[in-house]
C-alpha atoms as a PDB file:
ATOM      1  CA  UNK A   1     -40.413  -4.651 -28.558  1.00  0.00           C
ATOM      2  CA  UNK A   2     -43.478  -4.072 -30.724  1.00  0.00           C
ATOM      3  CA  UNK A   3     -41.807  -5.930 -33.607  1.00  0.00           C
ATOM      4  CA  UNK A   4     -41.518  -9.215 -31.683  1.00  0.00           C
ATOM      5  CA  UNK A   5     -43.470 -12.187 -33.032  1.00  0.00           C
ATOM      6  CA  UNK A   6     -45.050 -13.293 -29.732  1.00  0.00           C
ATOM      7  CA  UNK A   7     -46.945 -11.253 -27.180  1.00  0.00           C
ATOM      8  CA  UNK A   8     -46.477 -13.721 -24.312  1.00  0.00           C
ATOM      9  CA  UNK A   9     -44.396 -16.857 -23.843  1.00  0.00           C
ATOM     10  CA  UNK A  10     -44.949 -18.821 -20.636  1.00  0.00           C
ATOM     11  CA  UNK A  11     -42.941 -21.642 -19.083  1.00  0.00           C
ATOM     12  CA  UNK A  12     -44.315 -24.150 -16.611  1.00  0.00           C
ATOM     13  CA  UNK A  13     -46.632 -27.036 -15.932  1.00  0.00           C
ATOM     14  CA  UNK A  14     -49.176 -28.556 -18.296  1.00  0.00           C
ATOM     15  CA  UNK A  15     -51.210 -31.341 -16.748  1.00  0.00           C
ATOM     16  CA  UNK A  16     -54.568 -33.059 -16.531  1.00  0.00           C
ATOM     17  CA  UNK A  17     -56.997 -31.746 -13.906  1.00  0.00           C
ATOM     18  CA  UNK A  18     -59.402 -34.557 -13.061  1.00  0.00           C
ATOM     19  CA  UNK A  19     -62.506 -32.749 -11.805  1.00  0.00           C
ATOM     20  CA  UNK A  20     -65.623 -34.328 -10.325  1.00  0.00           C
ATOM     21  CA  UNK A  21     -68.557 -34.364 -12.717  1.00  0.00           C
ATOM     22  CA  UNK A  22     -71.447 -36.205 -11.116  1.00  0.00           C
ATOM     23  CA  UNK A  23     -71.685 -39.770  -9.826  1.00  0.00           C
ATOM     24  CA  UNK A  24     -72.061 -43.128 -11.543  1.00  0.00           C
ATOM     25  CA  UNK A  25     -75.015 -45.473 -11.134  1.00  0.00           C
ATOM     26  CA  UNK A  26     -72.932 -47.221  -8.454  1.00  0.00           C
ATOM     27  CA  UNK A  27     -72.489 -43.969  -6.548  1.00  0.00           C
ATOM     28  CA  UNK A  28     -68.841 -43.482  -7.511  1.00  0.00           C
ATOM     29  CA  UNK A  29     -67.551 -40.016  -8.437  1.00  0.00           C
ATOM     30  CA  UNK A  30     -67.112 -39.538 -12.198  1.00  0.00           C
ATOM     31  CA  UNK A  31     -63.882 -37.668 -12.996  1.00  0.00           C
ATOM     32  CA  UNK A  32     -63.547 -35.518 -16.110  1.00  0.00           C
ATOM     33  CA  UNK A  33     -60.043 -35.144 -17.611  1.00  0.00           C
ATOM     34  CA  UNK A  34     -59.719 -31.378 -18.120  1.00  0.00           C
ATOM     35  CA  UNK A  35     -56.559 -29.837 -19.622  1.00  0.00           C
ATOM     36  CA  UNK A  36     -54.936 -27.739 -16.881  1.00  0.00           C
ATOM     37  CA  UNK A  37     -51.873 -25.964 -15.572  1.00  0.00           C
ATOM     38  CA  UNK A  38     -51.774 -22.273 -14.719  1.00  0.00           C
ATOM     39  CA  UNK A  39     -49.380 -21.038 -17.458  1.00  0.00           C
ATOM     40  CA  UNK A  40     -51.454 -22.481 -20.304  1.00  0.00           C
ATOM     41  CA  UNK A  41     -54.696 -21.265 -18.722  1.00  0.00           C
ATOM     42  CA  UNK A  42     -53.193 -17.768 -18.776  1.00  0.00           C
ATOM     43  CA  UNK A  43     -52.124 -18.175 -22.420  1.00  0.00           C
ATOM     44  CA  UNK A  44     -55.548 -19.549 -23.424  1.00  0.00           C
ATOM     45  CA  UNK A  45     -57.260 -16.411 -22.081  1.00  0.00           C
ATOM     46  CA  UNK A  46     -54.704 -14.184 -23.814  1.00  0.00           C
ATOM     47  CA  UNK A  47     -55.449 -15.978 -27.091  1.00  0.00           C
ATOM     48  CA  UNK A  48     -59.158 -15.310 -26.540  1.00  0.00           C
ATOM     49  CA  UNK A  49     -58.213 -11.638 -26.236  1.00  0.00           C
ATOM     50  CA  UNK A  50     -56.421 -11.731 -29.590  1.00  0.00           C
ATOM     51  CA  UNK A  51     -52.818 -12.100 -28.457  1.00  0.00           C
ATOM     52  CA  UNK A  52     -50.162 -14.435 -29.892  1.00  0.00           C
ATOM     53  CA  UNK A  53     -48.749 -16.853 -27.336  1.00  0.00           C
ATOM     54  CA  UNK A  54     -46.300 -19.734 -26.978  1.00  0.00           C
ATOM     55  CA  UNK A  55     -45.697 -22.330 -24.277  1.00  0.00           C
ATOM     56  CA  UNK A  56     -42.484 -23.953 -23.009  1.00  0.00           C
ATOM     57  CA  UNK A  57     -42.954 -27.185 -21.067  1.00  0.00           C
ATOM     58  CA  UNK A  58     -43.030 -30.965 -21.081  1.00  0.00           C
ATOM     59  CA  UNK A  59     -45.698 -33.683 -21.068  1.00  0.00           C
ATOM     60  CA  UNK A  60     -45.457 -37.456 -21.323  1.00  0.00           C
ATOM     61  CA  UNK A  61     -45.626 -39.249 -24.656  1.00  0.00           C
ATOM     62  CA  UNK A  62     -48.857 -40.916 -23.521  1.00  0.00           C
ATOM     63  CA  UNK A  63     -52.604 -40.553 -24.025  1.00  0.00           C
ATOM     64  CA  UNK A  64     -52.794 -37.581 -21.629  1.00  0.00           C
ATOM     65  CA  UNK A  65     -49.805 -35.823 -23.208  1.00  0.00           C
ATOM     66  CA  UNK A  66     -51.380 -36.188 -26.654  1.00  0.00           C
ATOM     67  CA  UNK A  67     -54.691 -34.883 -25.301  1.00  0.00           C
ATOM     68  CA  UNK A  68     -52.960 -31.845 -23.778  1.00  0.00           C
ATOM     69  CA  UNK A  69     -50.984 -31.017 -26.918  1.00  0.00           C
ATOM     70  CA  UNK A  70     -54.182 -31.150 -28.976  1.00  0.00           C
ATOM     71  CA  UNK A  71     -56.097 -28.982 -26.474  1.00  0.00           C
ATOM     72  CA  UNK A  72     -53.366 -26.337 -26.302  1.00  0.00           C
ATOM     73  CA  UNK A  73     -53.118 -26.162 -30.088  1.00  0.00           C
ATOM     74  CA  UNK A  74     -56.909 -26.040 -30.369  1.00  0.00           C
ATOM     75  CA  UNK A  75     -57.023 -22.765 -28.388  1.00  0.00           C
ATOM     76  CA  UNK A  76     -54.233 -21.289 -30.534  1.00  0.00           C
ATOM     77  CA  UNK A  77     -51.151 -21.557 -28.291  1.00  0.00           C
ATOM     78  CA  UNK A  78     -47.878 -22.234 -30.164  1.00  0.00           C
ATOM     79  CA  UNK A  79     -46.483 -25.637 -29.077  1.00  0.00           C
ATOM     80  CA  UNK A  80     -43.114 -25.648 -30.872  1.00  0.00           C
ATOM     81  CA  UNK A  81     -41.449 -25.713 -27.411  1.00  0.00           C
ATOM     82  CA  UNK A  82     -43.704 -28.393 -25.902  1.00  0.00           C
ATOM     83  CA  UNK A  83     -41.514 -31.462 -25.373  1.00  0.00           C
ATOM     84  CA  UNK A  84     -42.943 -35.006 -25.237  1.00  0.00           C
ATOM     85  CA  UNK A  85     -41.078 -37.228 -22.749  1.00  0.00           C
ATOM     86  CA  UNK A  86     -40.608 -40.877 -23.797  1.00  0.00           C
ATOM     87  CA  UNK A  87     -40.118 -42.181 -20.276  1.00  0.00           C
ATOM     88  CA  UNK A  88     -41.957 -40.054 -17.708  1.00  0.00           C
ATOM     89  CA  UNK A  89     -45.744 -39.831 -17.666  1.00  0.00           C
ATOM     90  CA  UNK A  90     -47.836 -36.675 -17.848  1.00  0.00           C
ATOM     91  CA  UNK A  91     -48.528 -35.055 -14.474  1.00  0.00           C
ATOM     92  CA  UNK A  92     -52.054 -35.590 -13.119  1.00  0.00           C
ATOM     93  CA  UNK A  93     -54.017 -33.566 -10.549  1.00  0.00           C
ATOM     94  CA  UNK A  94     -57.253 -34.678  -8.930  1.00  0.00           C
ATOM     95  CA  UNK A  95     -59.414 -31.745  -7.910  1.00  0.00           C
ATOM     96  CA  UNK A  96     -61.962 -32.066  -5.113  1.00  0.00           C
ATOM     97  CA  UNK A  97     -64.560 -29.283  -5.274  1.00  0.00           C
ATOM     98  CA  UNK A  98     -66.306 -28.062  -2.105  1.00  0.00           C
ATOM     99  CA  UNK A  99     -69.929 -26.804  -2.024  1.00  0.00           C
ATOM    100  CA  UNK A 100     -68.805 -23.133  -2.202  1.00  0.00           C
ATOM    101  CA  UNK A 101     -66.770 -23.832  -5.372  1.00  0.00           C
ATOM    102  CA  UNK A 102     -63.379 -23.821  -3.638  1.00  0.00           C
ATOM    103  CA  UNK A 103     -61.112 -26.816  -4.203  1.00  0.00           C
ATOM    104  CA  UNK A 104     -58.402 -29.133  -2.955  1.00  0.00           C
ATOM    105  CA  UNK A 105     -55.687 -30.809  -5.080  1.00  0.00           C
ATOM    106  CA  UNK A 106     -54.101 -34.275  -5.030  1.00  0.00           C
ATOM    107  CA  UNK A 107     -51.105 -34.503  -7.386  1.00  0.00           C
ATOM    108  CA  UNK A 108     -49.603 -37.545  -9.131  1.00  0.00           C
ATOM    109  CA  UNK A 109     -46.144 -36.185  -9.951  1.00  0.00           C
ATOM    110  CA  UNK A 110     -43.262 -38.170  -8.506  1.00  0.00           C
ATOM    111  CA  UNK A 111     -41.917 -37.682 -11.073  1.00  0.00           C
ATOM    112  CA  UNK A 112     -44.224 -36.054 -13.613  1.00  0.00           C
ATOM    113  CA  UNK A 113     -43.139 -35.023 -17.107  1.00  0.00           C
ATOM    114  CA  UNK A 114     -43.528 -31.278 -16.433  1.00  0.00           C
ATOM    115  CA  UNK A 115     -40.719 -31.379 -13.827  1.00  0.00           C
ATOM    116  CA  UNK A 116     -38.275 -33.059 -16.262  1.00  0.00           C
ATOM    117  CA  UNK A 117     -37.713 -30.011 -18.508  1.00  0.00           C
ATOM    118  CA  UNK A 118     -33.985 -29.258 -18.930  1.00  0.00           C
ATOM    119  CA  UNK A 119     -31.998 -26.136 -19.844  1.00  0.00           C
ATOM    120  CA  UNK A 120     -31.204 -27.653 -23.265  1.00  0.00           C
ATOM    121  CA  UNK A 121     -34.938 -27.838 -24.025  1.00  0.00           C
ATOM    122  CA  UNK A 122     -35.533 -24.110 -23.408  1.00  0.00           C
ATOM    123  CA  UNK A 123     -35.580 -22.256 -26.768  1.00  0.00           C
ATOM    124  CA  UNK A 124     -33.784 -18.966 -26.060  1.00  0.00           C
ATOM    125  CA  UNK A 125     -34.775 -17.445 -29.414  1.00  0.00           C
ATOM    126  CA  UNK A 126     -38.477 -17.932 -28.696  1.00  0.00           C
ATOM    127  CA  UNK A 127     -38.136 -16.031 -25.422  1.00  0.00           C
ATOM    128  CA  UNK A 128     -36.149 -13.255 -27.112  1.00  0.00           C
ATOM    129  CA  UNK A 129     -38.949 -12.943 -29.686  1.00  0.00           C
ATOM    130  CA  UNK A 130     -41.595 -12.334 -26.991  1.00  0.00           C
ATOM    131  CA  UNK A 131     -42.805  -9.101 -25.395  1.00  0.00           C
ATOM    132  CA  UNK A 132     -43.694 -10.766 -22.072  1.00  0.00           C
ATOM    133  CA  UNK A 133     -42.183 -13.814 -20.372  1.00  0.00           C
ATOM    134  CA  UNK A 134     -44.479 -15.354 -17.744  1.00  0.00           C
ATOM    135  CA  UNK A 135     -43.702 -17.984 -15.091  1.00  0.00           C
ATOM    136  CA  UNK A 136     -44.814 -19.442 -11.750  1.00  0.00           C
ATOM    137  CA  UNK A 137     -43.181 -21.585  -9.070  1.00  0.00           C
ATOM    138  CA  UNK A 138     -44.395 -25.072 -10.024  1.00  0.00           C
ATOM    139  CA  UNK A 139     -41.501 -25.184 -12.486  1.00  0.00           C
ATOM    140  CA  UNK A 140     -39.095 -24.596  -9.582  1.00  0.00           C
ATOM    141  CA  UNK A 141     -40.066 -27.426  -7.237  1.00  0.00           C
ATOM    142  CA  UNK A 142     -37.211 -29.713  -8.390  1.00  0.00           C
ATOM    143  CA  UNK A 143     -33.595 -28.996  -9.291  1.00  0.00           C
ATOM    144  CA  UNK A 144     -33.526 -29.775 -13.050  1.00  0.00           C
ATOM    145  CA  UNK A 145     -36.613 -27.810 -14.025  1.00  0.00           C
ATOM    146  CA  UNK A 146     -35.618 -25.054 -11.581  1.00  0.00           C
ATOM    147  CA  UNK A 147     -32.365 -24.594 -13.534  1.00  0.00           C
ATOM    148  CA  UNK A 148     -34.339 -24.479 -16.797  1.00  0.00           C
ATOM    149  CA  UNK A 149     -36.723 -21.879 -15.344  1.00  0.00           C
ATOM    150  CA  UNK A 150     -33.923 -19.674 -14.031  1.00  0.00           C
ATOM    151  CA  UNK A 151     -32.125 -19.895 -17.369  1.00  0.00           C
ATOM    152  CA  UNK A 152     -35.310 -18.813 -19.174  1.00  0.00           C
ATOM    153  CA  UNK A 153     -35.748 -15.867 -16.769  1.00  0.00           C
ATOM    154  CA  UNK A 154     -32.136 -14.781 -17.384  1.00  0.00           C
ATOM    155  CA  UNK A 155     -32.659 -14.923 -21.161  1.00  0.00           C
ATOM    156  CA  UNK A 156     -35.883 -12.897 -20.828  1.00  0.00           C
ATOM    157  CA  UNK A 157     -34.125 -10.322 -18.627  1.00  0.00           C
ATOM    158  CA  UNK A 158     -31.252  -9.922 -21.078  1.00  0.00           C
ATOM    159  CA  UNK A 159     -33.706  -9.594 -23.976  1.00  0.00           C
ATOM    160  CA  UNK A 160     -35.608  -6.791 -22.221  1.00  0.00           C
ATOM    161  CA  UNK A 161     -38.862  -8.743 -21.974  1.00  0.00           C
ATOM    162  CA  UNK A 162     -41.457  -7.647 -19.427  1.00  0.00           C
ATOM    163  CA  UNK A 163     -41.297 -10.426 -16.821  1.00  0.00           C
ATOM    164  CA  UNK A 164     -44.527 -11.443 -15.090  1.00  0.00           C
ATOM    165  CA  UNK A 165     -44.851 -13.809 -12.139  1.00  0.00           C
ATOM    166  CA  UNK A 166     -47.671 -15.677 -10.387  1.00  0.00           C
ATOM    167  CA  UNK A 167     -46.336 -17.701  -7.411  1.00  0.00           C
ATOM    168  CA  UNK A 168     -49.323 -20.108  -7.571  1.00  0.00           C
ATOM    169  CA  UNK A 169     -48.381 -21.796  -4.280  1.00  0.00           C
ATOM    170  CA  UNK A 170     -49.360 -25.487  -4.115  1.00  0.00           C
ATOM    171  CA  UNK A 171     -47.972 -26.777  -0.766  1.00  0.00           C
ATOM    172  CA  UNK A 172     -48.315 -30.546  -1.562  1.00  0.00           C
ATOM    173  CA  UNK A 173     -45.789 -30.217  -4.408  1.00  0.00           C
ATOM    174  CA  UNK A 174     -42.914 -28.959  -2.274  1.00  0.00           C
ATOM    175  CA  UNK A 175     -40.479 -31.022  -0.199  1.00  0.00           C
ATOM    176  CA  UNK A 176     -40.657 -28.200   2.337  1.00  0.00           C
ATOM    177  CA  UNK A 177     -42.497 -24.896   2.536  1.00  0.00           C
ATOM    178  CA  UNK A 178     -39.128 -23.230   3.170  1.00  0.00           C
ATOM    179  CA  UNK A 179     -38.139 -24.278  -0.387  1.00  0.00           C
ATOM    180  CA  UNK A 180     -41.387 -22.754  -1.665  1.00  0.00           C
ATOM    181  CA  UNK A 181     -40.676 -19.509   0.179  1.00  0.00           C
ATOM    182  CA  UNK A 182     -37.164 -19.281  -1.329  1.00  0.00           C
ATOM    183  CA  UNK A 183     -38.447 -19.820  -4.870  1.00  0.00           C
ATOM    184  CA  UNK A 184     -41.235 -17.269  -4.473  1.00  0.00           C
ATOM    185  CA  UNK A 185     -38.707 -14.774  -3.117  1.00  0.00           C
ATOM    186  CA  UNK A 186     -36.443 -15.498  -6.107  1.00  0.00           C
ATOM    187  CA  UNK A 187     -39.355 -14.786  -8.489  1.00  0.00           C
ATOM    188  CA  UNK A 188     -40.063 -11.509  -6.671  1.00  0.00           C
ATOM    189  CA  UNK A 189     -36.503 -10.333  -7.386  1.00  0.00           C
ATOM    190  CA  UNK A 190     -36.967 -10.895 -11.131  1.00  0.00           C
ATOM    191  CA  UNK A 191     -40.450  -9.698 -12.116  1.00  0.00           C
ATOM    192  CA  UNK A 192     -41.948  -6.430 -13.371  1.00  0.00           C
ATOM    193  CA  UNK A 193     -45.543  -7.503 -12.741  1.00  0.00           C
ATOM    194  CA  UNK A 194     -46.591  -9.655  -9.786  1.00  0.00           C
ATOM    195  CA  UNK A 195     -49.985 -11.326  -9.423  1.00  0.00           C
ATOM    196  CA  UNK A 196     -50.226 -12.717  -5.907  1.00  0.00           C
ATOM    197  CA  UNK A 197     -53.181 -14.087  -3.915  1.00  0.00           C
ATOM    198  CA  UNK A 198     -54.213 -13.164  -0.382  1.00  0.00           C
ATOM    199  CA  UNK A 199     -53.149 -16.555   1.018  1.00  0.00           C
ATOM    200  CA  UNK A 200     -49.706 -16.191  -0.612  1.00  0.00           C
ATOM    201  CA  UNK A 201     -49.249 -12.777   1.019  1.00  0.00           C
ATOM    202  CA  UNK A 202     -50.203 -14.395   4.350  1.00  0.00           C
ATOM    203  CA  UNK A 203     -47.713 -17.218   3.698  1.00  0.00           C
ATOM    204  CA  UNK A 204     -44.838 -14.827   2.927  1.00  0.00           C
ATOM    205  CA  UNK A 205     -45.435 -12.114   5.521  1.00  0.00           C
ATOM    206  CA  UNK A 206     -47.656 -13.725   8.163  1.00  0.00           C
ATOM    207  CA  UNK A 207     -50.232 -10.946   7.890  1.00  0.00           C
ATOM    208  CA  UNK A 208     -53.803 -10.510   6.646  1.00  0.00           C
ATOM    209  CA  UNK A 209     -53.132  -6.785   6.249  1.00  0.00           C
ATOM    210  CA  UNK A 210     -52.568  -6.854   2.493  1.00  0.00           C
ATOM    211  CA  UNK A 211     -51.554  -3.177   2.347  1.00  0.00           C
ATOM    212  CA  UNK A 212     -48.779  -4.047   4.789  1.00  0.00           C
ATOM    213  CA  UNK A 213     -47.810  -7.055   2.636  1.00  0.00           C
ATOM    214  CA  UNK A 214     -47.752  -4.878  -0.491  1.00  0.00           C
ATOM    215  CA  UNK A 215     -45.626  -2.262   1.320  1.00  0.00           C
ATOM    216  CA  UNK A 216     -43.110  -4.958   2.296  1.00  0.00           C
ATOM    217  CA  UNK A 217     -42.995  -6.206  -1.320  1.00  0.00           C
ATOM    218  CA  UNK A 218     -42.451  -2.654  -2.594  1.00  0.00           C
ATOM    219  CA  UNK A 219     -39.769  -1.894   0.001  1.00  0.00           C
ATOM    220  CA  UNK A 220     -37.772  -5.050  -0.653  1.00  0.00           C
ATOM    221  CA  UNK A 221     -38.360  -5.871  -4.327  1.00  0.00           C
ATOM    222  CA  UNK A 222     -39.396  -2.599  -6.077  1.00  0.00           C
ATOM    223  CA  UNK A 223     -41.797  -4.377  -8.471  1.00  0.00           C
ATOM    224  CA  UNK A 224     -43.477  -1.763 -10.725  1.00  0.00           C
ATOM    225  CA  UNK A 225     -46.981  -3.309 -10.653  1.00  0.00           C
ATOM    226  CA  UNK A 226     -48.331  -5.568  -7.900  1.00  0.00           C
ATOM    227  CA  UNK A 227     -51.806  -7.117  -8.014  1.00  0.00           C
ATOM    228  CA  UNK A 228     -53.295  -8.836  -4.959  1.00  0.00           C
ATOM    229  CA  UNK A 229     -56.349 -11.038  -5.495  1.00  0.00           C
ATOM    230  CA  UNK A 230     -58.635 -11.509  -2.507  1.00  0.00           C
ATOM    231  CA  UNK A 231     -61.300 -13.920  -3.798  1.00  0.00           C
ATOM    232  CA  UNK A 232     -64.745 -12.767  -2.711  1.00  0.00           C
ATOM    233  CA  UNK A 233     -63.239  -9.460  -1.516  1.00  0.00           C
ATOM    234  CA  UNK A 234     -62.073  -8.357  -4.961  1.00  0.00           C
ATOM    235  CA  UNK A 235     -58.576  -7.220  -5.905  1.00  0.00           C
ATOM    236  CA  UNK A 236     -56.078  -4.407  -5.455  1.00  0.00           C
ATOM    237  CA  UNK A 237     -53.395  -2.856  -7.627  1.00  0.00           C
ATOM    238  CA  UNK A 238     -50.301  -1.208  -6.150  1.00  0.00           C
ATOM    239  CA  UNK A 239     -48.393   1.094  -8.488  1.00  0.00           C
ATOM    240  CA  UNK A 240     -45.930   3.898  -7.777  1.00  0.00           C
ATOM    241  CA  UNK A 241     -47.005   4.266  -4.160  1.00  0.00           C
ATOM    242  CA  UNK A 242     -50.721   4.306  -5.054  1.00  0.00           C
ATOM    243  CA  UNK A 243     -53.384   1.734  -4.308  1.00  0.00           C
ATOM    244  CA  UNK A 244     -56.576   1.081  -6.274  1.00  0.00           C
ATOM    245  CA  UNK A 245     -59.151  -1.428  -5.016  1.00  0.00           C
ATOM    246  CA  UNK A 246     -61.869  -3.006  -7.137  1.00  0.00           C
ATOM    247  CA  UNK A 247     -64.940  -4.785  -5.807  1.00  0.00           C
ATOM    248  CA  UNK A 248     -65.589  -8.363  -6.968  1.00  0.00           C
ATOM    249  CA  UNK A 249     -68.351  -9.504  -9.285  1.00  0.00           C
ATOM    250  CA  UNK A 250     -70.030 -11.912  -6.882  1.00  0.00           C
ATOM    251  CA  UNK A 251     -71.460 -14.847  -8.766  1.00  0.00           C
ATOM    252  CA  UNK A 252     -74.624 -16.796  -7.963  1.00  0.00           C
ATOM    253  CA  UNK A 253     -73.795 -19.447 -10.553  1.00  0.00           C
ATOM    254  CA  UNK A 254     -70.308 -20.493  -9.380  1.00  0.00           C
ATOM    255  CA  UNK A 255     -69.535 -24.129 -10.182  1.00  0.00           C
ATOM    256  CA  UNK A 256     -65.818 -24.146  -9.323  1.00  0.00           C
ATOM    257  CA  UNK A 257     -63.022 -21.604  -8.946  1.00  0.00           C
ATOM    258  CA  UNK A 258     -60.447 -23.427 -11.122  1.00  0.00           C
ATOM    259  CA  UNK A 259     -58.888 -20.928 -13.517  1.00  0.00           C
ATOM    260  CA  UNK A 260     -60.220 -17.774 -11.828  1.00  0.00           C
ATOM    261  CA  UNK A 261     -56.759 -16.551 -10.827  1.00  0.00           C
ATOM    262  CA  UNK A 262     -55.365 -17.443 -14.253  1.00  0.00           C
ATOM    263  CA  UNK A 263     -58.135 -15.546 -16.051  1.00  0.00           C
ATOM    264  CA  UNK A 264     -57.451 -12.554 -13.801  1.00  0.00           C
ATOM    265  CA  UNK A 265     -53.709 -12.809 -14.478  1.00  0.00           C
ATOM    266  CA  UNK A 266     -54.167 -13.040 -18.261  1.00  0.00           C
ATOM    267  CA  UNK A 267     -56.449  -9.980 -18.224  1.00  0.00           C
ATOM    268  CA  UNK A 268     -53.754  -7.994 -16.397  1.00  0.00           C
ATOM    269  CA  UNK A 269     -51.070  -9.105 -18.874  1.00  0.00           C
ATOM    270  CA  UNK A 270     -53.361  -8.147 -21.749  1.00  0.00           C
ATOM    271  CA  UNK A 271     -53.825  -4.656 -20.287  1.00  0.00           C
ATOM    272  CA  UNK A 272     -50.052  -4.249 -19.881  1.00  0.00           C
ATOM    273  CA  UNK A 273     -49.546  -5.308 -23.519  1.00  0.00           C
ATOM    274  CA  UNK A 274     -52.073  -2.708 -24.674  1.00  0.00           C
ATOM    275  CA  UNK A 275     -51.158   0.168 -22.333  1.00  0.00           C
ATOM    276  CA  UNK A 276     -47.571  -0.463 -21.188  1.00  0.00           C
ATOM    277  CA  UNK A 277     -46.233  -0.153 -17.630  1.00  0.00           C
ATOM    278  CA  UNK A 278     -45.482   3.577 -17.691  1.00  0.00           C
ATOM    279  CA  UNK A 279     -47.787   6.359 -16.527  1.00  0.00           C
ATOM    280  CA  UNK A 280     -50.799   4.262 -15.534  1.00  0.00           C
ATOM    281  CA  UNK A 281     -53.461   6.468 -13.915  1.00  0.00           C
ATOM    282  CA  UNK A 282     -55.849   5.383 -11.155  1.00  0.00           C
ATOM    283  CA  UNK A 283     -58.529   5.222 -13.869  1.00  0.00           C
ATOM    284  CA  UNK A 284     -56.314   2.864 -15.896  1.00  0.00           C
ATOM    285  CA  UNK A 285     -55.768   0.649 -12.854  1.00  0.00           C
ATOM    286  CA  UNK A 286     -59.498   0.533 -12.081  1.00  0.00           C
ATOM    287  CA  UNK A 287     -60.324  -0.305 -15.710  1.00  0.00           C
ATOM    288  CA  UNK A 288     -57.703  -3.077 -15.648  1.00  0.00           C
ATOM    289  CA  UNK A 289     -58.973  -4.560 -12.344  1.00  0.00           C
ATOM    290  CA  UNK A 290     -62.641  -4.324 -13.340  1.00  0.00           C
ATOM    291  CA  UNK A 291     -62.061  -6.343 -16.513  1.00  0.00           C
ATOM    292  CA  UNK A 292     -59.859  -8.859 -14.674  1.00  0.00           C
ATOM    293  CA  UNK A 293     -62.371  -9.330 -11.830  1.00  0.00           C
ATOM    294  CA  UNK A 294     -65.225  -9.781 -14.308  1.00  0.00           C
ATOM    295  CA  UNK A 295     -63.290 -12.348 -16.360  1.00  0.00           C
ATOM    296  CA  UNK A 296     -62.387 -14.271 -13.196  1.00  0.00           C
ATOM    297  CA  UNK A 297     -66.033 -14.247 -12.098  1.00  0.00           C
ATOM    298  CA  UNK A 298     -67.244 -15.575 -15.459  1.00  0.00           C
ATOM    299  CA  UNK A 299     -64.826 -18.528 -15.529  1.00  0.00           C
ATOM    300  CA  UNK A 300     -66.193 -19.772 -12.171  1.00  0.00           C
ATOM    301  CA  UNK A 301     -69.504 -20.511 -13.908  1.00  0.00           C
ATOM    302  CA  UNK A 302     -67.823 -22.974 -16.310  1.00  0.00           C
ATOM    303  CA  UNK A 303     -66.301 -26.411 -15.759  1.00  0.00           C
ATOM    304  CA  UNK A 304     -62.589 -26.441 -16.487  1.00  0.00           C
ATOM    305  CA  UNK A 305     -60.619 -23.430 -17.681  1.00  0.00           C
ATOM    306  CA  UNK A 306     -58.314 -23.754 -20.685  1.00  0.00           C
ATOM    307  CA  UNK A 307     -61.000 -24.530 -23.284  1.00  0.00           C
ATOM    308  CA  UNK A 308     -63.748 -22.275 -21.925  1.00  0.00           C
ATOM    309  CA  UNK A 309     -62.116 -18.884 -21.372  1.00  0.00           C
ATOM    310  CA  UNK A 310     -64.459 -15.912 -21.931  1.00  0.00           C
ATOM    311  CA  UNK A 311     -64.070 -13.566 -24.898  1.00  0.00           C
ATOM    312  CA  UNK A 312     -63.503  -9.811 -24.566  1.00  0.00           C
ATOM    313  CA  UNK A 313     -67.103  -9.238 -25.685  1.00  0.00           C
ATOM    314  CA  UNK A 314     -68.483 -11.620 -23.024  1.00  0.00           C
ATOM    315  CA  UNK A 315     -66.512  -9.874 -20.277  1.00  0.00           C
ATOM    316  CA  UNK A 316     -67.548  -6.368 -21.388  1.00  0.00           C
ATOM    317  CA  UNK A 317     -71.187  -7.449 -21.681  1.00  0.00           C
ATOM    318  CA  UNK A 318     -71.034  -8.941 -18.186  1.00  0.00           C
ATOM    319  CA  UNK A 319     -69.569  -5.683 -16.802  1.00  0.00           C
ATOM    320  CA  UNK A 320     -72.293  -3.650 -18.528  1.00  0.00           C
ATOM    321  CA  UNK A 321     -75.059  -5.913 -17.173  1.00  0.00           C
ATOM    322  CA  UNK A 322     -73.606  -5.519 -13.698  1.00  0.00           C
ATOM    323  CA  UNK A 323     -74.009  -1.752 -13.983  1.00  0.00           C
ATOM    324  CA  UNK A 324     -70.299  -1.062 -13.487  1.00  0.00           C
END
């Protein structure tokens, strides 16, 4: 697989995140149009870490679609498989940020261009030429794009790609949470690396005992590497019956948490690209989690995500300053 042209190809949503950025003289919130969407955030961080990436998805042929294409190309992501839809507008998300940096989403996507991707628009050869294929569940909320996603996963499986999955549960985008559960469970049956958040473990298994959740995932799905992110409580890696936990880098300067999980996810994928999935020691797992936690902490001090991902040097410097 080392002779493949792309390190990571991701399929999924690319949209505009409108984030609050102050108030006008009339007291109205000013919204900034940030490029967003988890898969491209992940790819943007991987590019910062020196990897070659490509994106499969769809935006509208409108001012926002043009802005997104330019932003994705600006950070070095290959856009040969980014389709521009003549009829359906680019998906929009409005992000409300709370005082602690957490956020709430309102989506304008009924339909949105990202959910109109079809099987015919998935370039099989691009996937076959990639070491990792990465996906989430937002490309499985509706039937057409779900078929395209499942086709891409099948191609990746046949090609021997490492398959990585981040459920990225967004309840407002699903007709029913039962549909969301089914699609997450489908992703769990296909992936080699799973990045899952504490609230997603709670959603799937109705428990806040994350070791228990990880044990249930291992028992049912046999995923080689499982990462659970726990926000201010850090993260854990589960690998071959072992568990390694890494403390968070708590941040005084948090502005918003958008992109933290994606930065973490990209850091994990980068480690897998550099070290493989075989014979990872506890020291390897701790090194991987420490870098990923630090990267996630840094991105919370910046507005937006895709354009402002930290470099390897910034993350390592931050770890050193923290005395870790």
